[in-house]
């Protein structure tokens, strides 16, 4: 059992058998050596946050993977496999954006005919971008793929702006952390995308793939490009879908920020995490396997590895909305 003590004296015991990971704020946190050993022996990942951003993690020494896989992962960057993966990632992300907007339009159609018509126009515009990518096909066009992905995303976020209540202050533009957004929707997106990155990174590590050798995003020693690649297929199904729903019903979203502009309140952070992990627990059927979404996150790097080493004919990004 893991014993958790809060500053106010509250205690709670949790069985490590019911845990896959723990997320903590680094400030004010301490842990005993016995607790560390218990987590490592049971394969529990410990993620540290600072200012709502993951800064590090502790996980069991399970990295490995064959030398052949690592060599083939590098070689694939130079041949048709890497080009195929990049092309599929972009096409799949655009498809996920279309399918999410279609799903929302179907729900809103009866209540707001004007919004439904506007969403229809947006969906058709994004479909036009998708057709361009499909027609271009697989080739050494990575900068062009990225530009088309950005074009589709611009239309997508403008469409999301039509859906969200105006009082949220989202202006139809995705603002990353360094843009210092003040609207709660962008702040929530940045927070949950960071948590999603941590989940995907852990899955990549366990698969034996190198998280820094990607196929769409540029390689960088400061950014795990393969993690960024695989994140793309889960943004709309997990984060965007849940947050659009969260911000569209009721007024709970007003409680996620603290009095300081741009800061998440503790209660708001917990509410967002509950929303996120509730989505991960949903069971869906993908690749003929009915599993929680979290399990599919862990299977996707392994499926990619099979394609890279030639055990499967193609890699299919996650596409269940």
C-alpha atoms as a PDB file:
ATOM      1  CA  UNK A   1       0.000   0.000   0.000  1.00  0.00           C
ATOM      2  CA  UNK A   2       1.059   3.545  -0.732  1.00  0.00           C
ATOM      3  CA  UNK A   3       0.420   6.016   2.106  1.00  0.00           C
ATOM      4  CA  UNK A   4      -0.327   9.578   0.959  1.00  0.00           C
ATOM      5  CA  UNK A   5      -0.187  12.432   3.460  1.00  0.00           C
ATOM      6  CA  UNK A   6      -1.407  15.955   2.727  1.00  0.00           C
ATOM      7  CA  UNK A   7      -0.112  19.093   4.402  1.00  0.00           C
ATOM      8  CA  UNK A   8      -3.308  19.418   6.465  1.00  0.00           C
ATOM      9  CA  UNK A   9      -2.777  15.978   7.998  1.00  0.00           C
ATOM     10  CA  UNK A  10      -5.232  14.062   5.803  1.00  0.00           C
ATOM     11  CA  UNK A  11      -4.079  10.506   5.021  1.00  0.00           C
ATOM     12  CA  UNK A  12      -5.054   8.030   2.332  1.00  0.00           C
ATOM     13  CA  UNK A  13      -3.889   4.513   1.510  1.00  0.00           C
ATOM     14  CA  UNK A  14      -3.875   3.303  -2.099  1.00  0.00           C
ATOM     15  CA  UNK A  15      -2.958  -0.102  -3.463  1.00  0.00           C
ATOM     16  CA  UNK A  16      -0.184   0.151  -6.075  1.00  0.00           C
ATOM     17  CA  UNK A  17      -1.967  -2.639  -7.923  1.00  0.00           C
ATOM     18  CA  UNK A  18      -4.636  -0.079  -8.844  1.00  0.00           C
ATOM     19  CA  UNK A  19      -2.157   2.509 -10.143  1.00  0.00           C
ATOM     20  CA  UNK A  20      -0.478   2.985 -13.512  1.00  0.00           C
ATOM     21  CA  UNK A  21       1.008   6.409 -12.790  1.00  0.00           C
ATOM     22  CA  UNK A  22       1.001   9.265 -10.288  1.00  0.00           C
ATOM     23  CA  UNK A  23       1.088  12.963 -11.185  1.00  0.00           C
ATOM     24  CA  UNK A  24       2.488  15.353  -8.564  1.00  0.00           C
ATOM     25  CA  UNK A  25       3.453  18.987  -8.262  1.00  0.00           C
ATOM     26  CA  UNK A  26       7.204  19.049  -7.659  1.00  0.00           C
ATOM     27  CA  UNK A  27       6.952  21.966  -5.220  1.00  0.00           C
ATOM     28  CA  UNK A  28       6.438  20.763  -1.671  1.00  0.00           C
ATOM     29  CA  UNK A  29       6.512  17.088  -2.661  1.00  0.00           C
ATOM     30  CA  UNK A  30       8.558  14.437  -0.877  1.00  0.00           C
ATOM     31  CA  UNK A  31       8.676  10.654  -1.061  1.00  0.00           C
ATOM     32  CA  UNK A  32      10.403   7.927   0.936  1.00  0.00           C
ATOM     33  CA  UNK A  33      12.863   5.443  -0.500  1.00  0.00           C
ATOM     34  CA  UNK A  34      10.534   2.563   0.364  1.00  0.00           C
ATOM     35  CA  UNK A  35       7.695   4.202  -1.553  1.00  0.00           C
ATOM     36  CA  UNK A  36       9.990   4.732  -4.547  1.00  0.00           C
ATOM     37  CA  UNK A  37      10.993   1.070  -4.581  1.00  0.00           C
ATOM     38  CA  UNK A  38       7.347   0.017  -4.308  1.00  0.00           C
ATOM     39  CA  UNK A  39       6.403   2.145  -7.327  1.00  0.00           C
ATOM     40  CA  UNK A  40       9.319   0.911  -9.434  1.00  0.00           C
ATOM     41  CA  UNK A  41       8.738  -2.756  -8.610  1.00  0.00           C
ATOM     42  CA  UNK A  42       5.091  -2.449  -9.623  1.00  0.00           C
ATOM     43  CA  UNK A  43       5.723  -0.493 -12.809  1.00  0.00           C
ATOM     44  CA  UNK A  44       4.073   2.734 -11.643  1.00  0.00           C
ATOM     45  CA  UNK A  45       5.197   5.877 -13.470  1.00  0.00           C
ATOM     46  CA  UNK A  46       5.754   9.044 -11.389  1.00  0.00           C
ATOM     47  CA  UNK A  47       5.316  12.318 -13.327  1.00  0.00           C
ATOM     48  CA  UNK A  48       6.488  15.649 -11.870  1.00  0.00           C
ATOM     49  CA  UNK A  49       4.801  18.948 -12.748  1.00  0.00           C
ATOM     50  CA  UNK A  50       6.029  22.486 -12.288  1.00  0.00           C
ATOM     51  CA  UNK A  51       3.654  25.337 -13.101  1.00  0.00           C
ATOM     52  CA  UNK A  52       1.253  22.767 -14.577  1.00  0.00           C
ATOM     53  CA  UNK A  53       3.888  21.512 -17.011  1.00  0.00           C
ATOM     54  CA  UNK A  54       5.562  18.056 -16.911  1.00  0.00           C
ATOM     55  CA  UNK A  55       9.263  18.512 -16.142  1.00  0.00           C
ATOM     56  CA  UNK A  56      10.339  14.938 -15.562  1.00  0.00           C
ATOM     57  CA  UNK A  57       9.331  11.432 -14.673  1.00  0.00           C
ATOM     58  CA  UNK A  58      10.472   8.362 -12.818  1.00  0.00           C
ATOM     59  CA  UNK A  59       9.747   5.034 -14.405  1.00  0.00           C
ATOM     60  CA  UNK A  60      10.995   1.440 -14.182  1.00  0.00           C
ATOM     61  CA  UNK A  61      14.097   0.439 -16.169  1.00  0.00           C
ATOM     62  CA  UNK A  62      12.137  -1.369 -18.852  1.00  0.00           C
ATOM     63  CA  UNK A  63      13.575   0.323 -21.899  1.00  0.00           C
ATOM     64  CA  UNK A  64      15.007  -2.037 -24.380  1.00  0.00           C
ATOM     65  CA  UNK A  65      13.868  -3.167 -27.760  1.00  0.00           C
ATOM     66  CA  UNK A  66      16.028  -4.928 -30.248  1.00  0.00           C
ATOM     67  CA  UNK A  67      19.029  -3.331 -31.897  1.00  0.00           C
ATOM     68  CA  UNK A  68      17.387  -4.192 -35.206  1.00  0.00           C
ATOM     69  CA  UNK A  69      14.346  -2.069 -34.324  1.00  0.00           C
ATOM     70  CA  UNK A  70      16.467   0.959 -33.434  1.00  0.00           C
ATOM     71  CA  UNK A  71      18.516   0.617 -36.634  1.00  0.00           C
ATOM     72  CA  UNK A  72      15.409   0.245 -38.761  1.00  0.00           C
ATOM     73  CA  UNK A  73      13.771   3.217 -37.034  1.00  0.00           C
ATOM     74  CA  UNK A  74      16.704   5.374 -38.126  1.00  0.00           C
ATOM     75  CA  UNK A  75      16.835   3.914 -41.662  1.00  0.00           C
ATOM     76  CA  UNK A  76      13.089   4.497 -42.074  1.00  0.00           C
ATOM     77  CA  UNK A  77      13.720   8.248 -41.812  1.00  0.00           C
ATOM     78  CA  UNK A  78      15.574   8.006 -45.119  1.00  0.00           C
ATOM     79  CA  UNK A  79      13.194   5.840 -47.167  1.00  0.00           C
ATOM     80  CA  UNK A  80       9.559   5.307 -48.169  1.00  0.00           C
ATOM     81  CA  UNK A  81       8.563   4.098 -44.685  1.00  0.00           C
ATOM     82  CA  UNK A  82       9.204   7.468 -43.061  1.00  0.00           C
ATOM     83  CA  UNK A  83       7.435   9.317 -45.887  1.00  0.00           C
ATOM     84  CA  UNK A  84       4.468   6.946 -45.597  1.00  0.00           C
ATOM     85  CA  UNK A  85       4.222   7.475 -41.832  1.00  0.00           C
ATOM     86  CA  UNK A  86       4.379  11.293 -42.164  1.00  0.00           C
ATOM     87  CA  UNK A  87       1.706  11.282 -44.886  1.00  0.00           C
ATOM     88  CA  UNK A  88      -0.615   9.051 -42.853  1.00  0.00           C
ATOM     89  CA  UNK A  89      -0.188  11.109 -39.681  1.00  0.00           C
ATOM     90  CA  UNK A  90      -1.243  14.314 -41.465  1.00  0.00           C
ATOM     91  CA  UNK A  91      -4.148  12.671 -43.302  1.00  0.00           C
ATOM     92  CA  UNK A  92      -5.365  11.026 -40.106  1.00  0.00           C
ATOM     93  CA  UNK A  93      -5.227  14.237 -38.060  1.00  0.00           C
ATOM     94  CA  UNK A  94      -7.246  16.103 -40.688  1.00  0.00           C
ATOM     95  CA  UNK A  95      -9.753  13.211 -40.788  1.00  0.00           C
ATOM     96  CA  UNK A  96     -10.079  13.299 -36.992  1.00  0.00           C
ATOM     97  CA  UNK A  97     -10.787  17.039 -37.142  1.00  0.00           C
ATOM     98  CA  UNK A  98     -13.476  16.485 -39.771  1.00  0.00           C
ATOM     99  CA  UNK A  99     -15.083  13.614 -37.868  1.00  0.00           C
ATOM    100  CA  UNK A 100     -15.167  15.504 -34.581  1.00  0.00           C
ATOM    101  CA  UNK A 101     -16.824  18.520 -36.225  1.00  0.00           C
ATOM    102  CA  UNK A 102     -19.321  16.206 -37.959  1.00  0.00           C
ATOM    103  CA  UNK A 103     -20.174  14.579 -34.642  1.00  0.00           C
ATOM    104  CA  UNK A 104     -20.730  17.971 -32.969  1.00  0.00           C
ATOM    105  CA  UNK A 105     -22.759  19.235 -35.932  1.00  0.00           C
ATOM    106  CA  UNK A 106     -25.044  16.208 -35.725  1.00  0.00           C
ATOM    107  CA  UNK A 107     -25.760  16.945 -32.041  1.00  0.00           C
ATOM    108  CA  UNK A 108     -26.304  20.685 -32.564  1.00  0.00           C
ATOM    109  CA  UNK A 109     -28.267  20.489 -35.812  1.00  0.00           C
ATOM    110  CA  UNK A 110     -31.734  20.471 -34.234  1.00  0.00           C
ATOM    111  CA  UNK A 111     -31.038  23.237 -31.724  1.00  0.00           C
ATOM    112  CA  UNK A 112     -29.041  25.637 -33.884  1.00  0.00           C
ATOM    113  CA  UNK A 113     -29.600  25.407 -37.649  1.00  0.00           C
ATOM    114  CA  UNK A 114     -27.375  28.419 -38.344  1.00  0.00           C
ATOM    115  CA  UNK A 115     -24.425  26.878 -36.482  1.00  0.00           C
ATOM    116  CA  UNK A 116     -25.004  23.560 -38.234  1.00  0.00           C
ATOM    117  CA  UNK A 117     -24.808  25.262 -41.621  1.00  0.00           C
ATOM    118  CA  UNK A 118     -21.619  27.140 -40.673  1.00  0.00           C
ATOM    119  CA  UNK A 119     -20.012  23.898 -39.478  1.00  0.00           C
ATOM    120  CA  UNK A 120     -20.991  22.228 -42.747  1.00  0.00           C
ATOM    121  CA  UNK A 121     -19.123  24.906 -44.700  1.00  0.00           C
ATOM    122  CA  UNK A 122     -16.060  24.516 -42.451  1.00  0.00           C
ATOM    123  CA  UNK A 123     -16.108  20.732 -42.801  1.00  0.00           C
ATOM    124  CA  UNK A 124     -16.217  20.977 -46.591  1.00  0.00           C
ATOM    125  CA  UNK A 125     -13.306  23.414 -46.561  1.00  0.00           C
ATOM    126  CA  UNK A 126     -11.213  21.056 -44.430  1.00  0.00           C
ATOM    127  CA  UNK A 127     -12.194  18.176 -46.728  1.00  0.00           C
ATOM    128  CA  UNK A 128     -10.755  20.186 -49.601  1.00  0.00           C
ATOM    129  CA  UNK A 129      -7.406  20.351 -47.795  1.00  0.00           C
ATOM    130  CA  UNK A 130      -7.569  16.611 -47.104  1.00  0.00           C
ATOM    131  CA  UNK A 131      -8.166  15.884 -50.800  1.00  0.00           C
ATOM    132  CA  UNK A 132      -5.075  17.917 -51.680  1.00  0.00           C
ATOM    133  CA  UNK A 133      -2.962  15.799 -49.327  1.00  0.00           C
ATOM    134  CA  UNK A 134      -4.496  12.586 -50.679  1.00  0.00           C
ATOM    135  CA  UNK A 135      -3.888  13.638 -54.293  1.00  0.00           C
ATOM    136  CA  UNK A 136      -0.303  14.651 -53.561  1.00  0.00           C
ATOM    137  CA  UNK A 137       0.360  11.147 -52.281  1.00  0.00           C
ATOM    138  CA  UNK A 138       3.435   9.778 -50.553  1.00  0.00           C
ATOM    139  CA  UNK A 139       6.667  11.578 -51.339  1.00  0.00           C
ATOM    140  CA  UNK A 140       9.412  13.801 -50.014  1.00  0.00           C
ATOM    141  CA  UNK A 141       6.976  16.616 -49.276  1.00  0.00           C
ATOM    142  CA  UNK A 142       7.199  16.945 -45.496  1.00  0.00           C
ATOM    143  CA  UNK A 143       7.251  20.790 -45.380  1.00  0.00           C
ATOM    144  CA  UNK A 144       4.223  20.819 -47.691  1.00  0.00           C
ATOM    145  CA  UNK A 145       2.407  18.250 -45.517  1.00  0.00           C
ATOM    146  CA  UNK A 146       3.063  20.423 -42.473  1.00  0.00           C
ATOM    147  CA  UNK A 147       1.726  23.517 -44.260  1.00  0.00           C
ATOM    148  CA  UNK A 148      -1.469  21.651 -45.204  1.00  0.00           C
ATOM    149  CA  UNK A 149      -1.880  20.383 -41.641  1.00  0.00           C
ATOM    150  CA  UNK A 150      -1.571  23.984 -40.433  1.00  0.00           C
ATOM    151  CA  UNK A 151      -4.152  25.146 -42.997  1.00  0.00           C
ATOM    152  CA  UNK A 152      -6.668  22.516 -41.911  1.00  0.00           C
ATOM    153  CA  UNK A 153      -6.020  23.322 -38.238  1.00  0.00           C
ATOM    154  CA  UNK A 154      -6.661  27.028 -38.813  1.00  0.00           C
ATOM    155  CA  UNK A 155     -10.124  26.261 -40.229  1.00  0.00           C
ATOM    156  CA  UNK A 156     -10.737  23.684 -37.490  1.00  0.00           C
ATOM    157  CA  UNK A 157     -10.019  26.091 -34.613  1.00  0.00           C
ATOM    158  CA  UNK A 158     -12.146  28.793 -36.235  1.00  0.00           C
ATOM    159  CA  UNK A 159     -14.935  26.232 -36.343  1.00  0.00           C
ATOM    160  CA  UNK A 160     -14.400  25.323 -32.679  1.00  0.00           C
ATOM    161  CA  UNK A 161     -14.765  29.029 -31.912  1.00  0.00           C
ATOM    162  CA  UNK A 162     -18.280  28.937 -33.389  1.00  0.00           C
ATOM    163  CA  UNK A 163     -19.167  26.068 -31.046  1.00  0.00           C
ATOM    164  CA  UNK A 164     -17.849  27.437 -27.748  1.00  0.00           C
ATOM    165  CA  UNK A 165     -19.732  30.107 -25.744  1.00  0.00           C
ATOM    166  CA  UNK A 166     -18.359  33.563 -26.579  1.00  0.00           C
ATOM    167  CA  UNK A 167     -17.846  34.417 -22.905  1.00  0.00           C
ATOM    168  CA  UNK A 168     -14.978  31.923 -22.749  1.00  0.00           C
ATOM    169  CA  UNK A 169     -12.875  34.363 -24.740  1.00  0.00           C
ATOM    170  CA  UNK A 170     -11.463  31.861 -27.220  1.00  0.00           C
ATOM    171  CA  UNK A 171     -10.830  33.763 -30.455  1.00  0.00           C
ATOM    172  CA  UNK A 172     -10.557  30.858 -32.869  1.00  0.00           C
ATOM    173  CA  UNK A 173      -6.784  30.659 -32.626  1.00  0.00           C
ATOM    174  CA  UNK A 174      -4.706  27.984 -30.966  1.00  0.00           C
ATOM    175  CA  UNK A 175      -2.244  29.610 -28.544  1.00  0.00           C
ATOM    176  CA  UNK A 176       0.571  27.513 -27.134  1.00  0.00           C
ATOM    177  CA  UNK A 177       2.169  28.008 -23.751  1.00  0.00           C
ATOM    178  CA  UNK A 178       4.821  30.434 -25.019  1.00  0.00           C
ATOM    179  CA  UNK A 179       2.026  32.594 -26.518  1.00  0.00           C
ATOM    180  CA  UNK A 180       0.833  33.146 -22.917  1.00  0.00           C
ATOM    181  CA  UNK A 181      -2.896  32.643 -23.544  1.00  0.00           C
ATOM    182  CA  UNK A 182      -5.376  34.145 -21.088  1.00  0.00           C
ATOM    183  CA  UNK A 183      -8.538  32.311 -22.141  1.00  0.00           C
ATOM    184  CA  UNK A 184      -9.325  29.174 -20.118  1.00  0.00           C
ATOM    185  CA  UNK A 185      -9.864  26.984 -23.185  1.00  0.00           C
ATOM    186  CA  UNK A 186      -6.320  27.434 -24.523  1.00  0.00           C
ATOM    187  CA  UNK A 187      -4.893  27.083 -21.016  1.00  0.00           C
ATOM    188  CA  UNK A 188      -6.787  23.819 -20.532  1.00  0.00           C
ATOM    189  CA  UNK A 189      -5.650  22.579 -23.965  1.00  0.00           C
ATOM    190  CA  UNK A 190      -1.996  23.246 -23.134  1.00  0.00           C
ATOM    191  CA  UNK A 191      -2.298  21.473 -19.801  1.00  0.00           C
ATOM    192  CA  UNK A 192      -3.980  18.334 -21.119  1.00  0.00           C
ATOM    193  CA  UNK A 193      -1.759  18.182 -24.211  1.00  0.00           C
ATOM    194  CA  UNK A 194       1.195  18.102 -21.816  1.00  0.00           C
ATOM    195  CA  UNK A 195      -0.372  15.227 -19.882  1.00  0.00           C
ATOM    196  CA  UNK A 196      -1.139  13.435 -23.160  1.00  0.00           C
ATOM    197  CA  UNK A 197       2.505  13.855 -24.218  1.00  0.00           C
ATOM    198  CA  UNK A 198       3.604  12.195 -20.985  1.00  0.00           C
ATOM    199  CA  UNK A 199       1.274   9.232 -21.628  1.00  0.00           C
ATOM    200  CA  UNK A 200       2.475   8.804 -25.216  1.00  0.00           C
ATOM    201  CA  UNK A 201       6.135   9.200 -24.211  1.00  0.00           C
ATOM    202  CA  UNK A 202       5.831   6.409 -21.652  1.00  0.00           C
ATOM    203  CA  UNK A 203       4.221   4.145 -24.281  1.00  0.00           C
ATOM    204  CA  UNK A 204       7.023   4.892 -26.761  1.00  0.00           C
ATOM    205  CA  UNK A 205       9.693   4.126 -24.159  1.00  0.00           C
ATOM    206  CA  UNK A 206       8.114   0.756 -23.377  1.00  0.00           C
ATOM    207  CA  UNK A 207       7.884  -0.150 -27.076  1.00  0.00           C
ATOM    208  CA  UNK A 208      11.651   0.020 -27.560  1.00  0.00           C
ATOM    209  CA  UNK A 209      11.439   2.864 -30.096  1.00  0.00           C
ATOM    210  CA  UNK A 210      13.608   5.954 -29.682  1.00  0.00           C
ATOM    211  CA  UNK A 211      11.295   8.868 -28.723  1.00  0.00           C
ATOM    212  CA  UNK A 212      13.629  11.381 -30.427  1.00  0.00           C
ATOM    213  CA  UNK A 213      13.595   9.807 -33.917  1.00  0.00           C
ATOM    214  CA  UNK A 214      10.369  10.912 -35.616  1.00  0.00           C
ATOM    215  CA  UNK A 215       8.985  11.146 -39.126  1.00  0.00           C
ATOM    216  CA  UNK A 216       6.842  14.285 -39.340  1.00  0.00           C
ATOM    217  CA  UNK A 217       8.271  16.612 -36.700  1.00  0.00           C
ATOM    218  CA  UNK A 218      11.904  17.647 -36.976  1.00  0.00           C
ATOM    219  CA  UNK A 219      14.436  15.793 -34.828  1.00  0.00           C
ATOM    220  CA  UNK A 220      15.594  17.781 -31.815  1.00  0.00           C
ATOM    221  CA  UNK A 221      17.515  16.935 -28.664  1.00  0.00           C
ATOM    222  CA  UNK A 222      15.060  19.165 -26.760  1.00  0.00           C
ATOM    223  CA  UNK A 223      11.846  17.696 -28.137  1.00  0.00           C
ATOM    224  CA  UNK A 224      10.902  14.011 -28.606  1.00  0.00           C
ATOM    225  CA  UNK A 225       9.790  14.147 -32.245  1.00  0.00           C
ATOM    226  CA  UNK A 226       8.326  10.615 -32.367  1.00  0.00           C
ATOM    227  CA  UNK A 227       6.220  11.408 -29.280  1.00  0.00           C
ATOM    228  CA  UNK A 228       4.965  14.546 -31.058  1.00  0.00           C
ATOM    229  CA  UNK A 229       4.176  12.454 -34.149  1.00  0.00           C
ATOM    230  CA  UNK A 230       2.130   9.873 -32.253  1.00  0.00           C
ATOM    231  CA  UNK A 231       0.397  12.546 -30.160  1.00  0.00           C
ATOM    232  CA  UNK A 232      -1.251  13.932 -33.299  1.00  0.00           C
ATOM    233  CA  UNK A 233      -3.582  10.959 -33.642  1.00  0.00           C
ATOM    234  CA  UNK A 234      -4.914  11.346 -30.079  1.00  0.00           C
ATOM    235  CA  UNK A 235      -5.410  15.127 -29.800  1.00  0.00           C
ATOM    236  CA  UNK A 236      -8.960  15.281 -31.193  1.00  0.00           C
ATOM    237  CA  UNK A 237     -10.287  11.943 -29.835  1.00  0.00           C
ATOM    238  CA  UNK A 238      -9.072  12.530 -26.270  1.00  0.00           C
ATOM    239  CA  UNK A 239      -8.349  16.176 -25.463  1.00  0.00           C
ATOM    240  CA  UNK A 240     -10.294  18.308 -27.959  1.00  0.00           C
ATOM    241  CA  UNK A 241     -13.457  16.226 -27.779  1.00  0.00           C
ATOM    242  CA  UNK A 242     -13.601  16.193 -23.982  1.00  0.00           C
ATOM    243  CA  UNK A 243     -12.734  19.886 -23.564  1.00  0.00           C
ATOM    244  CA  UNK A 244     -15.213  21.120 -26.183  1.00  0.00           C
ATOM    245  CA  UNK A 245     -17.911  19.188 -24.315  1.00  0.00           C
ATOM    246  CA  UNK A 246     -16.689  20.442 -20.923  1.00  0.00           C
ATOM    247  CA  UNK A 247     -16.688  24.101 -22.001  1.00  0.00           C
ATOM    248  CA  UNK A 248     -20.010  23.847 -23.842  1.00  0.00           C
ATOM    249  CA  UNK A 249     -22.188  22.627 -20.962  1.00  0.00           C
ATOM    250  CA  UNK A 250     -22.798  24.343 -17.642  1.00  0.00           C
ATOM    251  CA  UNK A 251     -20.423  26.827 -16.066  1.00  0.00           C
ATOM    252  CA  UNK A 252     -17.915  24.525 -14.356  1.00  0.00           C
ATOM    253  CA  UNK A 253     -15.236  25.911 -16.675  1.00  0.00           C
ATOM    254  CA  UNK A 254     -15.352  29.204 -14.747  1.00  0.00           C
ATOM    255  CA  UNK A 255     -13.748  27.437 -11.793  1.00  0.00           C
ATOM    256  CA  UNK A 256     -10.650  26.084 -13.544  1.00  0.00           C
ATOM    257  CA  UNK A 257      -8.604  29.299 -13.294  1.00  0.00           C
ATOM    258  CA  UNK A 258      -7.190  30.804 -10.113  1.00  0.00           C
ATOM    259  CA  UNK A 259      -7.368  34.511  -9.338  1.00  0.00           C
ATOM    260  CA  UNK A 260      -4.040  34.907 -11.118  1.00  0.00           C
ATOM    261  CA  UNK A 261      -4.590  35.296 -14.843  1.00  0.00           C
ATOM    262  CA  UNK A 262      -3.471  32.282 -16.831  1.00  0.00           C
ATOM    263  CA  UNK A 263      -3.047  29.977 -13.824  1.00  0.00           C
ATOM    264  CA  UNK A 264      -4.982  26.804 -13.172  1.00  0.00           C
ATOM    265  CA  UNK A 265      -6.640  26.501  -9.790  1.00  0.00           C
ATOM    266  CA  UNK A 266      -6.067  23.264  -7.873  1.00  0.00           C
ATOM    267  CA  UNK A 267      -9.742  22.330  -8.154  1.00  0.00           C
ATOM    268  CA  UNK A 268      -9.694  23.177 -11.848  1.00  0.00           C
ATOM    269  CA  UNK A 269      -6.622  21.027 -12.440  1.00  0.00           C
ATOM    270  CA  UNK A 270      -8.239  18.073 -10.698  1.00  0.00           C
ATOM    271  CA  UNK A 271     -11.417  18.561 -12.720  1.00  0.00           C
ATOM    272  CA  UNK A 272      -9.452  18.566 -15.976  1.00  0.00           C
ATOM    273  CA  UNK A 273      -7.500  15.476 -14.977  1.00  0.00           C
ATOM    274  CA  UNK A 274     -10.730  13.680 -14.085  1.00  0.00           C
ATOM    275  CA  UNK A 275     -12.113  14.561 -17.519  1.00  0.00           C
ATOM    276  CA  UNK A 276      -8.913  13.416 -19.246  1.00  0.00           C
ATOM    277  CA  UNK A 277      -8.522  10.088 -17.467  1.00  0.00           C
ATOM    278  CA  UNK A 278     -12.229   9.387 -17.739  1.00  0.00           C
ATOM    279  CA  UNK A 279     -11.758   9.592 -21.500  1.00  0.00           C
ATOM    280  CA  UNK A 280      -8.755   7.243 -21.356  1.00  0.00           C
ATOM    281  CA  UNK A 281     -10.868   4.648 -19.546  1.00  0.00           C
ATOM    282  CA  UNK A 282     -13.471   4.557 -22.333  1.00  0.00           C
ATOM    283  CA  UNK A 283     -13.470   1.226 -24.155  1.00  0.00           C
ATOM    284  CA  UNK A 284     -13.432   1.454 -27.969  1.00  0.00           C
ATOM    285  CA  UNK A 285     -12.842  -0.971 -30.819  1.00  0.00           C
ATOM    286  CA  UNK A 286      -9.842  -0.190 -33.018  1.00  0.00           C
ATOM    287  CA  UNK A 287      -7.846  -2.602 -35.162  1.00  0.00           C
ATOM    288  CA  UNK A 288     -10.367  -5.309 -34.192  1.00  0.00           C
ATOM    289  CA  UNK A 289      -9.548  -4.963 -30.495  1.00  0.00           C
ATOM    290  CA  UNK A 290     -12.017  -3.642 -27.927  1.00  0.00           C
ATOM    291  CA  UNK A 291      -9.887  -1.960 -25.258  1.00  0.00           C
ATOM    292  CA  UNK A 292      -9.725   1.217 -23.147  1.00  0.00           C
ATOM    293  CA  UNK A 293      -8.254   4.116 -25.122  1.00  0.00           C
ATOM    294  CA  UNK A 294      -5.255   4.091 -22.795  1.00  0.00           C
ATOM    295  CA  UNK A 295      -4.435   0.554 -23.960  1.00  0.00           C
ATOM    296  CA  UNK A 296      -4.547   1.686 -27.584  1.00  0.00           C
ATOM    297  CA  UNK A 297      -2.098   4.500 -26.736  1.00  0.00           C
ATOM    298  CA  UNK A 298       0.319   1.838 -25.513  1.00  0.00           C
ATOM    299  CA  UNK A 299      -0.306  -0.413 -28.515  1.00  0.00           C
ATOM    300  CA  UNK A 300       0.208   2.242 -31.207  1.00  0.00           C
ATOM    301  CA  UNK A 301       4.025   2.519 -30.826  1.00  0.00           C
ATOM    302  CA  UNK A 302       4.220  -1.288 -30.982  1.00  0.00           C
ATOM    303  CA  UNK A 303       2.084  -1.312 -34.119  1.00  0.00           C
ATOM    304  CA  UNK A 304       4.380   1.329 -35.587  1.00  0.00           C
ATOM    305  CA  UNK A 305       7.416  -0.772 -34.670  1.00  0.00           C
ATOM    306  CA  UNK A 306       5.930  -3.767 -36.509  1.00  0.00           C
ATOM    307  CA  UNK A 307       5.534  -1.665 -39.635  1.00  0.00           C
ATOM    308  CA  UNK A 308       9.068  -0.292 -39.380  1.00  0.00           C
ATOM    309  CA  UNK A 309      10.666  -3.742 -39.165  1.00  0.00           C
ATOM    310  CA  UNK A 310       8.409  -5.193 -41.872  1.00  0.00           C
ATOM    311  CA  UNK A 311       6.097  -7.385 -39.790  1.00  0.00           C
ATOM    312  CA  UNK A 312       3.021  -5.479 -41.045  1.00  0.00           C
ATOM    313  CA  UNK A 313       2.233  -3.870 -44.391  1.00  0.00           C
ATOM    314  CA  UNK A 314       1.105  -0.461 -43.147  1.00  0.00           C
ATOM    315  CA  UNK A 315       0.694   1.699 -40.058  1.00  0.00           C
ATOM    316  CA  UNK A 316      -2.821   2.919 -39.241  1.00  0.00           C
ATOM    317  CA  UNK A 317      -2.993   5.933 -36.875  1.00  0.00           C
ATOM    318  CA  UNK A 318      -5.754   5.971 -34.251  1.00  0.00           C
ATOM    319  CA  UNK A 319      -8.969   7.338 -35.794  1.00  0.00           C
ATOM    320  CA  UNK A 320     -11.880   6.650 -33.441  1.00  0.00           C
ATOM    321  CA  UNK A 321     -13.864   9.764 -32.466  1.00  0.00           C
END
